[in-house]
Amino acid sequence: MCRPVRLDQDRSGAGLVVLSDAAIPAGEKLTLFLVGAAGPLELRVKVIAAQPRILKGAVLHRLRLSVLSIAPAIEEDACAAVD
């Protein structure tokens, strides 16, 4: 299942942090699709920490991620490939 996430600031500068509406436990491996100037990328990541946050009245989950691998995304619609 594809879920949108939002990149969040990592104050330590040591990793990738996203905000998600889904609670995902530490240790879970995920695929993250990013679109940028270099084109779409597929990142395999592992959740190393998860903390709930309240943002504008909504409960979100701040996920600190460890990047396992990065590759160009093959599919135009990445979510269609995994759904």
N, C-alpha and C. Protein backbone atom coordinates (compact mmCIF):
# COMPACT_ATOMS: atom_id res chain seq x y z
N MET A 1 0.84 -1.17 0.00
CA MET A 1 0.00 0.00 0.00
C MET A 1 0.90 1.24 0.00
N CYS A 2 0.60 2.17 -0.84
CA CYS A 2 1.34 3.44 -0.90
C CYS A 2 0.68 4.47 0.00
N ARG A 3 1.51 5.20 0.72
CA ARG A 3 1.05 6.28 1.57
C ARG A 3 1.95 7.47 1.34
N PRO A 4 1.37 8.66 1.24
CA PRO A 4 2.22 9.84 1.11
C PRO A 4 2.92 10.15 2.43
N VAL A 5 4.14 10.62 2.34
CA VAL A 5 4.88 11.08 3.51
C VAL A 5 5.45 12.46 3.19
N ARG A 6 5.83 13.15 4.22
CA ARG A 6 6.42 14.47 4.05
C ARG A 6 7.80 14.47 4.70
N LEU A 7 8.80 14.96 3.97
CA LEU A 7 10.13 15.06 4.54
C LEU A 7 10.11 16.04 5.69
N ASP A 8 10.83 15.72 6.74
CA ASP A 8 10.92 16.57 7.92
C ASP A 8 12.38 16.92 8.16
N GLN A 9 12.59 18.00 8.86
CA GLN A 9 13.95 18.44 9.16
C GLN A 9 14.59 17.50 10.17
N ASP A 10 15.80 17.08 9.85
CA ASP A 10 16.59 16.27 10.78
C ASP A 10 17.65 17.18 11.38
N ARG A 11 17.42 17.59 12.60
CA ARG A 11 18.31 18.58 13.24
C ARG A 11 19.74 18.09 13.39
N SER A 12 19.94 16.79 13.46
CA SER A 12 21.30 16.27 13.61
C SER A 12 22.01 16.18 12.26
N GLY A 13 21.24 16.17 11.18
CA GLY A 13 21.83 16.05 9.85
C GLY A 13 22.37 14.67 9.55
N ALA A 14 22.00 13.69 10.35
CA ALA A 14 22.59 12.36 10.22
C ALA A 14 21.68 11.35 9.54
N GLY A 15 20.53 11.76 9.04
CA GLY A 15 19.66 10.76 8.44
C GLY A 15 18.49 11.37 7.72
N LEU A 16 17.58 10.53 7.35
CA LEU A 16 16.38 10.91 6.63
C LEU A 16 15.21 10.78 7.60
N VAL A 17 14.38 11.81 7.67
CA VAL A 17 13.23 11.80 8.56
C VAL A 17 11.99 12.17 7.76
N VAL A 18 10.91 11.40 7.94
CA VAL A 18 9.65 11.69 7.28
C VAL A 18 8.52 11.72 8.30
N LEU A 19 7.44 12.40 7.93
CA LEU A 19 6.21 12.39 8.71
C LEU A 19 5.19 11.57 7.95
N SER A 20 4.52 10.66 8.64
CA SER A 20 3.56 9.76 8.02
C SER A 20 2.29 9.71 8.88
N ASP A 21 1.16 9.44 8.24
CA ASP A 21 -0.06 9.26 9.02
C ASP A 21 -0.17 7.83 9.55
N ALA A 22 0.76 6.97 9.14
CA ALA A 22 0.75 5.57 9.57
C ALA A 22 1.80 5.33 10.65
N ALA A 23 1.42 4.58 11.67
CA ALA A 23 2.37 4.16 12.69
C ALA A 23 3.14 2.97 12.15
N ILE A 24 4.46 3.11 12.04
CA ILE A 24 5.29 2.04 11.51
C ILE A 24 6.37 1.75 12.54
N PRO A 25 6.49 0.52 12.98
CA PRO A 25 7.45 0.20 14.05
C PRO A 25 8.90 0.23 13.59
N ALA A 26 9.78 0.50 14.53
CA ALA A 26 11.22 0.42 14.27
C ALA A 26 11.55 -0.99 13.79
N GLY A 27 12.45 -1.07 12.84
CA GLY A 27 12.85 -2.36 12.28
C GLY A 27 12.16 -2.68 10.97
N GLU A 28 11.03 -2.04 10.69
CA GLU A 28 10.28 -2.29 9.46
C GLU A 28 11.07 -1.77 8.26
N LYS A 29 11.10 -2.55 7.17
CA LYS A 29 11.74 -2.12 5.93
C LYS A 29 10.68 -1.64 4.96
N LEU A 30 10.96 -0.52 4.29
CA LEU A 30 10.00 0.12 3.40
C LEU A 30 10.67 0.53 2.10
N THR A 31 9.85 0.86 1.11
CA THR A 31 10.34 1.47 -0.12
C THR A 31 9.79 2.88 -0.15
N LEU A 32 10.67 3.84 -0.36
CA LEU A 32 10.31 5.25 -0.41
C LEU A 32 10.60 5.75 -1.81
N PHE A 33 9.59 6.33 -2.47
CA PHE A 33 9.76 6.89 -3.80
C PHE A 33 9.88 8.40 -3.69
N LEU A 34 10.96 8.95 -4.25
CA LEU A 34 11.18 10.40 -4.23
C LEU A 34 11.26 10.90 -5.66
N VAL A 35 10.71 12.08 -5.88
CA VAL A 35 10.79 12.71 -7.19
C VAL A 35 11.51 14.03 -7.02
N GLY A 36 12.54 14.22 -7.81
CA GLY A 36 13.32 15.45 -7.73
C GLY A 36 13.86 15.84 -9.09
N ALA A 37 14.77 16.79 -9.10
CA ALA A 37 15.34 17.30 -10.34
C ALA A 37 16.07 16.20 -11.12
N ALA A 38 16.63 15.23 -10.41
CA ALA A 38 17.36 14.14 -11.07
C ALA A 38 16.43 13.04 -11.57
N GLY A 39 15.13 13.20 -11.33
CA GLY A 39 14.17 12.18 -11.73
C GLY A 39 13.72 11.36 -10.54
N PRO A 40 12.83 10.40 -10.77
CA PRO A 40 12.31 9.59 -9.66
C PRO A 40 13.35 8.60 -9.14
N LEU A 41 13.39 8.47 -7.81
CA LEU A 41 14.30 7.53 -7.16
C LEU A 41 13.51 6.58 -6.28
N GLU A 42 14.02 5.38 -6.15
CA GLU A 42 13.45 4.37 -5.25
C GLU A 42 14.47 4.10 -4.16
N LEU A 43 14.10 4.40 -2.92
CA LEU A 43 14.98 4.17 -1.78
C LEU A 43 14.44 3.02 -0.95
N ARG A 44 15.28 2.06 -0.65
CA ARG A 44 14.93 1.02 0.32
C ARG A 44 15.43 1.54 1.65
N VAL A 45 14.55 1.59 2.64
CA VAL A 45 14.89 2.18 3.93
C VAL A 45 14.45 1.27 5.06
N LYS A 46 15.02 1.50 6.23
CA LYS A 46 14.63 0.78 7.44
C LYS A 46 14.29 1.82 8.49
N VAL A 47 13.17 1.65 9.18
CA VAL A 47 12.77 2.56 10.24
C VAL A 47 13.65 2.27 11.46
N ILE A 48 14.39 3.30 11.90
CA ILE A 48 15.24 3.09 13.07
C ILE A 48 14.65 3.72 14.33
N ALA A 49 13.69 4.61 14.16
CA ALA A 49 12.98 5.18 15.31
C ALA A 49 11.66 5.76 14.83
N ALA A 50 10.64 5.69 15.68
CA ALA A 50 9.33 6.23 15.35
C ALA A 50 8.75 6.90 16.59
N GLN A 51 8.26 8.13 16.40
CA GLN A 51 7.67 8.87 17.50
C GLN A 51 6.41 9.57 17.02
N PRO A 52 5.32 9.48 17.79
CA PRO A 52 4.11 10.22 17.41
C PRO A 52 4.31 11.72 17.64
N ARG A 53 3.69 12.51 16.79
CA ARG A 53 3.73 13.98 16.91
C ARG A 53 2.34 14.51 16.62
N ILE A 54 2.00 15.62 17.25
CA ILE A 54 0.74 16.29 16.92
C ILE A 54 1.10 17.53 16.12
N LEU A 55 0.54 17.64 14.92
CA LEU A 55 0.80 18.76 14.03
C LEU A 55 -0.52 19.28 13.52
N LYS A 56 -0.83 20.51 13.88
CA LYS A 56 -2.09 21.14 13.47
C LYS A 56 -3.29 20.27 13.83
N GLY A 57 -3.26 19.69 15.01
CA GLY A 57 -4.38 18.90 15.52
C GLY A 57 -4.44 17.47 15.02
N ALA A 58 -3.51 17.06 14.18
CA ALA A 58 -3.51 15.70 13.64
C ALA A 58 -2.33 14.91 14.22
N VAL A 59 -2.56 13.63 14.47
CA VAL A 59 -1.48 12.77 14.95
C VAL A 59 -0.70 12.26 13.73
N LEU A 60 0.58 12.57 13.70
CA LEU A 60 1.48 12.07 12.66
C LEU A 60 2.60 11.30 13.34
N HIS A 61 3.30 10.53 12.57
CA HIS A 61 4.38 9.71 13.10
C HIS A 61 5.68 10.15 12.44
N ARG A 62 6.64 10.54 13.27
CA ARG A 62 7.95 10.98 12.79
C ARG A 62 8.84 9.76 12.73
N LEU A 63 9.24 9.41 11.52
CA LEU A 63 10.02 8.20 11.28
C LEU A 63 11.44 8.58 10.90
N ARG A 64 12.41 8.13 11.69
CA ARG A 64 13.83 8.30 11.33
C ARG A 64 14.22 7.06 10.54
N LEU A 65 14.78 7.28 9.35
CA LEU A 65 15.04 6.19 8.43
C LEU A 65 16.53 6.03 8.16
N SER A 66 16.94 4.80 7.99
CA SER A 66 18.28 4.46 7.55
C SER A 66 18.15 4.02 6.09
N VAL A 67 18.92 4.62 5.20
CA VAL A 67 18.85 4.27 3.78
C VAL A 67 19.68 3.02 3.52
N LEU A 68 19.03 2.00 2.95
CA LEU A 68 19.69 0.74 2.64
C LEU A 68 20.21 0.72 1.21
N SER A 69 19.43 1.29 0.27
CA SER A 69 19.86 1.35 -1.13
C SER A 69 19.08 2.44 -1.85
N ILE A 70 19.68 2.94 -2.94
CA ILE A 70 19.05 3.96 -3.78
C ILE A 70 19.20 3.51 -5.23
N ALA A 71 18.10 3.59 -5.99
CA ALA A 71 18.14 3.23 -7.41
C ALA A 71 17.15 4.12 -8.16
N PRO A 72 17.35 4.30 -9.46
CA PRO A 72 16.35 5.02 -10.24
C PRO A 72 15.03 4.25 -10.20
N ALA A 73 13.92 4.97 -10.06
CA ALA A 73 12.60 4.32 -10.08
C ALA A 73 12.28 3.95 -11.51
N ILE A 74 11.82 2.74 -11.73
CA ILE A 74 11.54 2.24 -13.08
C ILE A 74 10.16 2.67 -13.55
N GLU A 75 9.19 2.62 -12.68
CA GLU A 75 7.81 2.92 -13.05
C GLU A 75 7.54 4.41 -13.02
N GLU A 76 6.74 4.89 -13.97
CA GLU A 76 6.30 6.29 -13.95
C GLU A 76 5.43 6.54 -12.71
N ASP A 77 4.49 5.63 -12.48
CA ASP A 77 3.62 5.74 -11.30
C ASP A 77 4.07 4.67 -10.33
N ALA A 78 4.97 5.04 -9.42
CA ALA A 78 5.59 4.08 -8.52
C ALA A 78 4.57 3.36 -7.65
N CYS A 79 3.54 4.06 -7.20
CA CYS A 79 2.55 3.41 -6.35
C CYS A 79 1.76 2.35 -7.10
N ALA A 80 1.54 2.54 -8.37
CA ALA A 80 0.84 1.54 -9.16
C ALA A 80 1.66 0.24 -9.21
N ALA A 81 2.98 0.38 -9.14
CA ALA A 81 3.84 -0.80 -9.21
C ALA A 81 3.77 -1.64 -7.94
N VAL A 82 3.45 -1.01 -6.79
CA VAL A 82 3.46 -1.75 -5.53
C VAL A 82 2.06 -2.03 -5.00
N ASP A 83 1.06 -1.35 -5.47
CA ASP A 83 -0.32 -1.58 -4.99
C ASP A 83 -0.92 -2.82 -5.60
